[in-house]
Amino acid sequence: MRDFTRKKYIELLSTLLNSGFEFYVLEDLCGGKIKEPYIVLRHDVDRNPKNALRMAMIENSMGIKATYYFRTVKGVFDPEIIKKISSLGHEVGYHYEDLSILNGDIEEALKSFKQNVEMLRQLVPVNTVSMHGKPLSKYDNRKLIPLLNFSELGIICEPYTIVEKLNLVYLTDTGRSWNNRLVNVRDLVSATLDIKIKSTQQLINAVGKELSEMNMMLNIHPERWEDAVLPWVWNLIWQRFKNSIKYMLIKVNYGR
């Protein structure tokens, strides 16, 4: 059976719901409005906002809220889709990449960050932000975080800090796999539960076993999840090509 389809995603969500997990958006977690065990469902919208909307509609139909982080680059920043996702009860935040886009110019990146947050706020409320990894760039966007005054900007938190602070289990589909450090350049936390998961079915199976009663954050990229065969095959081929580049990059620069 094909992995990374919306059908398989619905199966994953259903399993989590049936196992008693509560779903929260990131601003709920940062505000302490939680009941355990819980899932923080996060989506980094790197591309294909239409897929993000499809996913948001699925979640809404199941009574689930998620957090969607949008880049502000052409082809991703779609005001109508952003407003629609927010209207479905989901949280929307800024998926920032200002430092990498501006080639490490910190002063300009800080200005750009603030401008983009305000541009997004013209459409929807924005209370949290998350970095875009930009794997082929030598600049790590998270280096902006210590330089920003979150309280002044009206931002309550960002996901990587809160995952480590609360010691959450962190699972990401970066690289069209699960927590695969061999093809994951920056979507990492310093410590997480070491469970070997190679497929979404294995993740589903682990919900009632190793992951039972665990508080988790799932980072799921909507563009990776397709039901139609041709887009699914193209996604698979393209991701394998990107993974080969990221694998070499990680070996050369990080020695993993």
Protein backbone atom coordinates (compact mmCIF):
# COMPACT_ATOMS: atom_id res chain seq x y z
CA MET A 1 0.00 0.00 0.00
CA ARG A 2 1.26 3.49 -0.86
CA ASP A 3 2.45 5.67 2.01
CA PHE A 4 2.04 9.46 2.28
CA THR A 5 -1.49 9.55 0.92
CA ARG A 6 -4.35 11.55 2.41
CA LYS A 7 -6.12 8.23 3.02
CA LYS A 8 -3.21 7.08 5.18
CA TYR A 9 -3.17 10.49 6.91
CA ILE A 10 -6.84 10.09 7.85
CA GLU A 11 -6.03 6.65 9.25
CA LEU A 12 -3.26 8.17 11.39
CA LEU A 13 -5.54 10.90 12.74
CA SER A 14 -8.32 8.41 13.45
CA THR A 15 -5.94 6.17 15.38
CA LEU A 16 -4.74 9.11 17.49
CA LEU A 17 -8.31 10.21 18.22
CA ASN A 18 -9.44 6.70 19.10
CA SER A 19 -6.43 6.34 21.42
CA GLY A 20 -7.60 9.28 23.52
CA PHE A 21 -5.19 11.99 22.40
CA GLU A 22 -6.29 15.62 22.64
CA PHE A 23 -5.29 17.88 19.73
CA TYR A 24 -3.97 21.40 20.32
CA VAL A 25 -2.56 24.23 18.27
CA LEU A 26 0.78 25.68 19.29
CA GLU A 27 -0.62 28.82 20.92
CA ASP A 28 -2.73 26.58 23.21
CA LEU A 29 0.36 24.68 24.28
CA CYS A 30 2.38 27.83 24.91
CA GLY A 31 -0.52 29.24 26.93
CA GLY A 32 -0.75 26.11 29.08
CA LYS A 33 -4.33 25.24 28.01
CA ILE A 34 -3.76 21.52 27.70
CA LYS A 35 -5.04 18.15 28.83
CA GLU A 36 -2.78 15.09 28.58
CA PRO A 37 -2.03 13.03 26.58
CA TYR A 38 -1.91 15.48 23.71
CA ILE A 39 -0.82 16.05 20.14
CA VAL A 40 0.38 19.36 18.76
CA LEU A 41 -0.28 19.00 15.05
CA ARG A 42 1.92 21.34 13.04
CA HIS A 43 2.15 21.87 9.29
CA ASP A 44 5.00 23.69 7.55
CA VAL A 45 3.54 24.89 4.24
CA ASP A 46 6.71 24.94 2.15
CA ARG A 47 4.84 24.76 -1.16
CA ASN A 48 1.47 23.74 -2.65
CA PRO A 49 -0.97 25.70 -0.45
CA LYS A 50 -3.90 23.90 -2.11
CA ASN A 51 -2.75 20.68 -0.45
CA ALA A 52 -2.62 22.53 2.85
CA LEU A 53 -6.25 23.57 2.41
CA ARG A 54 -7.29 19.99 1.59
CA MET A 55 -5.56 18.80 4.75
CA ALA A 56 -7.14 21.57 6.82
CA MET A 57 -10.60 20.59 5.58
CA ILE A 58 -9.99 16.93 6.49
CA GLU A 59 -8.94 17.92 9.99
CA ASN A 60 -11.89 20.25 10.42
CA SER A 61 -14.29 17.45 9.43
CA MET A 62 -12.75 15.30 12.18
CA GLY A 63 -12.96 17.99 14.84
CA ILE A 64 -9.17 18.54 14.87
CA LYS A 65 -7.30 21.85 15.02
CA ALA A 66 -3.77 22.24 13.67
CA THR A 67 -1.16 24.96 13.25
CA TYR A 68 -0.21 25.99 9.69
CA TYR A 69 3.03 27.91 9.08
CA PHE A 70 3.11 29.78 5.78
CA ARG A 71 6.12 31.09 3.91
CA THR A 72 5.61 34.50 2.31
CA VAL A 73 7.29 33.66 -1.01
CA LYS A 74 5.51 33.60 -4.36
CA GLY A 75 3.54 30.43 -4.97
CA VAL A 76 3.04 29.75 -1.26
CA PHE A 77 1.62 32.99 0.13
CA ASP A 78 -2.01 32.66 -0.98
CA PRO A 79 -4.18 35.14 0.98
CA GLU A 80 -7.48 33.43 0.21
CA ILE A 81 -6.26 29.99 1.25
CA ILE A 82 -4.64 31.42 4.38
CA LYS A 83 -7.91 33.09 5.40
CA LYS A 84 -9.90 29.95 4.59
CA ILE A 85 -7.64 27.75 6.74
CA SER A 86 -7.96 30.22 9.62
CA SER A 87 -11.74 30.29 9.21
CA LEU A 88 -11.78 26.49 9.69
CA GLY A 89 -10.51 27.02 13.25
CA HIS A 90 -6.84 26.36 12.62
CA GLU A 91 -3.95 28.50 13.82
CA VAL A 92 -1.84 30.27 11.18
CA GLY A 93 1.73 31.39 11.81
CA TYR A 94 4.75 32.69 9.94
CA HIS A 95 7.21 30.18 8.44
CA TYR A 96 10.20 32.47 8.45
CA GLU A 97 13.31 32.23 6.27
CA ASP A 98 14.47 35.84 6.27
CA LEU A 99 18.11 35.16 7.19
CA SER A 100 18.65 32.64 4.39
CA ILE A 101 16.79 34.72 1.79
CA LEU A 102 18.90 37.77 2.68
CA ASN A 103 22.17 35.82 2.63
CA GLY A 104 22.95 36.20 6.32
CA ASP A 105 22.34 39.96 6.59
CA ILE A 106 21.03 39.99 10.16
CA GLU A 107 19.88 43.60 10.26
CA GLU A 108 17.87 43.29 7.06
CA ALA A 109 16.56 39.89 8.09
CA LEU A 110 15.17 41.30 11.35
CA LYS A 111 13.40 44.05 9.43
CA SER A 112 12.05 41.57 6.91
CA PHE A 113 10.84 39.25 9.68
CA LYS A 114 8.81 42.01 11.32
CA GLN A 115 7.37 43.19 8.00
CA ASN A 116 6.30 39.69 6.99
CA VAL A 117 4.64 39.02 10.34
CA GLU A 118 2.66 42.24 9.96
CA MET A 119 1.75 41.38 6.35
CA LEU A 120 0.37 38.03 7.49
CA ARG A 121 -1.49 39.74 10.32
CA GLN A 122 -3.39 41.80 7.77
CA LEU A 123 -5.11 38.49 6.94
CA VAL A 124 -5.24 36.43 10.15
CA PRO A 125 -4.08 36.52 13.79
CA VAL A 126 -0.43 35.46 14.17
CA ASN A 127 0.86 34.47 17.62
CA THR A 128 3.57 31.89 16.84
CA VAL A 129 6.32 31.45 14.23
CA SER A 130 8.45 28.56 12.95
CA MET A 131 11.65 28.53 10.92
CA HIS A 132 11.93 27.19 7.38
CA GLY A 133 14.98 24.93 7.22
CA LYS A 134 16.18 25.96 3.74
CA PRO A 135 18.56 22.97 3.60
CA LEU A 136 20.71 24.20 0.70
CA SER A 137 21.45 27.51 2.44
CA LYS A 138 24.40 27.81 4.82
CA TYR A 139 22.36 30.16 7.02
CA ASP A 140 20.27 28.76 9.87
CA ASN A 141 17.14 30.88 10.24
CA ARG A 142 16.79 29.96 13.91
CA LYS A 143 19.74 32.25 14.69
CA LEU A 144 17.26 35.12 14.48
CA ILE A 145 15.31 33.90 17.52
CA PRO A 146 17.67 35.21 20.26
CA LEU A 147 17.74 38.60 18.50
CA LEU A 148 13.96 39.07 18.42
CA ASN A 149 11.86 40.54 21.21
CA PHE A 150 8.89 38.17 21.05
CA SER A 151 6.80 40.02 23.63
CA GLU A 152 7.25 43.28 21.73
CA LEU A 153 6.18 41.55 18.51
CA GLY A 154 3.18 39.84 20.11
CA ILE A 155 4.65 36.36 19.53
CA ILE A 156 4.21 33.91 22.38
CA CYS A 157 6.58 31.10 21.29
CA GLU A 158 8.05 28.97 18.51
CA PRO A 159 7.88 25.16 18.25
CA TYR A 160 11.49 24.03 18.61
CA THR A 161 11.99 25.79 21.94
CA ILE A 162 8.71 24.50 23.37
CA VAL A 163 9.41 20.90 22.25
CA GLU A 164 12.69 20.89 24.17
CA LYS A 165 11.27 22.76 27.16
CA LEU A 166 8.42 20.25 27.59
CA ASN A 167 10.46 17.25 26.41
CA LEU A 168 7.86 16.28 23.83
CA VAL A 169 8.19 13.38 21.45
CA TYR A 170 8.94 15.07 18.12
CA LEU A 171 8.09 13.34 14.84
CA THR A 172 8.59 14.93 11.44
CA ASP A 173 8.01 13.73 7.88
CA THR A 174 10.95 15.80 6.59
CA GLY A 175 12.48 14.00 3.62
CA ARG A 176 9.26 12.01 3.09
CA SER A 177 10.28 9.71 5.91
CA TRP A 178 10.00 9.79 9.71
CA ASN A 179 12.76 11.37 11.83
CA ASN A 180 15.39 10.33 9.29
CA ARG A 181 18.50 12.23 10.39
CA LEU A 182 20.37 11.12 7.26
CA VAL A 183 18.23 13.44 5.09
CA ASN A 184 17.13 15.99 7.70
CA VAL A 185 19.36 19.07 7.75
CA ARG A 186 17.68 21.38 10.28
CA ASP A 187 14.25 20.07 11.31
CA LEU A 188 15.76 18.62 14.47
CA VAL A 189 15.49 18.88 18.23
CA SER A 190 18.27 18.06 20.68
CA ALA A 191 16.50 15.11 22.27
CA THR A 192 13.51 12.99 21.39
CA LEU A 193 12.30 9.44 21.91
CA ASP A 194 14.44 7.07 19.87
CA ILE A 195 11.81 5.00 18.08
CA LYS A 196 12.67 3.66 14.64
CA ILE A 197 9.74 4.48 12.36
CA LYS A 198 10.14 3.88 8.64
CA SER A 199 6.52 4.26 7.53
CA THR A 200 3.28 5.89 8.55
CA GLN A 201 1.84 2.44 9.24
CA GLN A 202 4.62 1.81 11.74
CA LEU A 203 3.78 5.15 13.36
CA ILE A 204 0.11 4.12 13.54
CA ASN A 205 1.12 0.81 15.13
CA ALA A 206 3.34 2.60 17.67
CA VAL A 207 0.48 4.83 18.87
CA GLY A 208 -0.95 1.96 20.94
CA LYS A 209 2.47 0.71 22.05
CA GLU A 210 5.66 2.78 22.42
CA LEU A 211 3.84 6.10 21.94
CA SER A 212 0.89 5.30 24.20
CA GLU A 213 0.16 8.19 26.59
CA MET A 214 3.10 10.20 25.19
CA ASN A 215 2.75 13.94 24.57
CA MET A 216 3.87 14.63 21.00
CA MET A 217 4.39 17.21 18.29
CA LEU A 218 3.87 15.99 14.73
CA ASN A 219 5.33 18.12 11.95
CA ILE A 220 3.63 17.16 8.70
CA HIS A 221 4.26 18.89 5.36
CA PRO A 222 1.00 18.95 3.33
CA GLU A 223 2.69 18.89 -0.10
CA ARG A 224 4.00 15.37 0.57
CA TRP A 225 0.57 13.76 0.99
CA GLU A 226 -1.17 12.88 -2.30
CA ASP A 227 -3.88 10.41 -3.31
CA ALA A 228 -3.71 10.82 -7.09
CA VAL A 229 -1.13 8.45 -8.59
CA LEU A 230 0.77 10.82 -10.91
CA PRO A 231 1.38 13.57 -8.30
CA TRP A 232 2.25 10.89 -5.76
CA VAL A 233 4.85 9.31 -8.08
CA TRP A 234 6.33 12.69 -9.00
CA ASN A 235 6.54 13.58 -5.31
CA LEU A 236 8.35 10.32 -4.59
CA ILE A 237 10.89 10.77 -7.41
CA TRP A 238 11.56 14.43 -6.64
CA GLN A 239 11.98 13.76 -2.91
CA ARG A 240 14.44 10.94 -3.53
CA PHE A 241 16.51 13.28 -5.69
CA LYS A 242 16.46 15.99 -3.00
CA ASN A 243 17.29 13.45 -0.31
CA SER A 244 20.42 12.35 -2.18
CA ILE A 245 21.62 15.96 -2.21
CA LYS A 246 20.77 16.50 1.45
CA TYR A 247 22.49 13.25 2.41
CA MET A 248 25.76 14.41 0.81
CA LEU A 249 25.38 17.87 2.33
CA ILE A 250 24.91 16.42 5.83
CA LYS A 251 27.89 14.08 5.45
CA VAL A 252 30.19 16.90 4.30
CA ASN A 253 29.02 19.67 6.65
CA TYR A 254 27.77 17.87 9.73
CA GLY A 255 29.52 14.48 9.73
CA ARG A 256 26.36 12.57 10.63
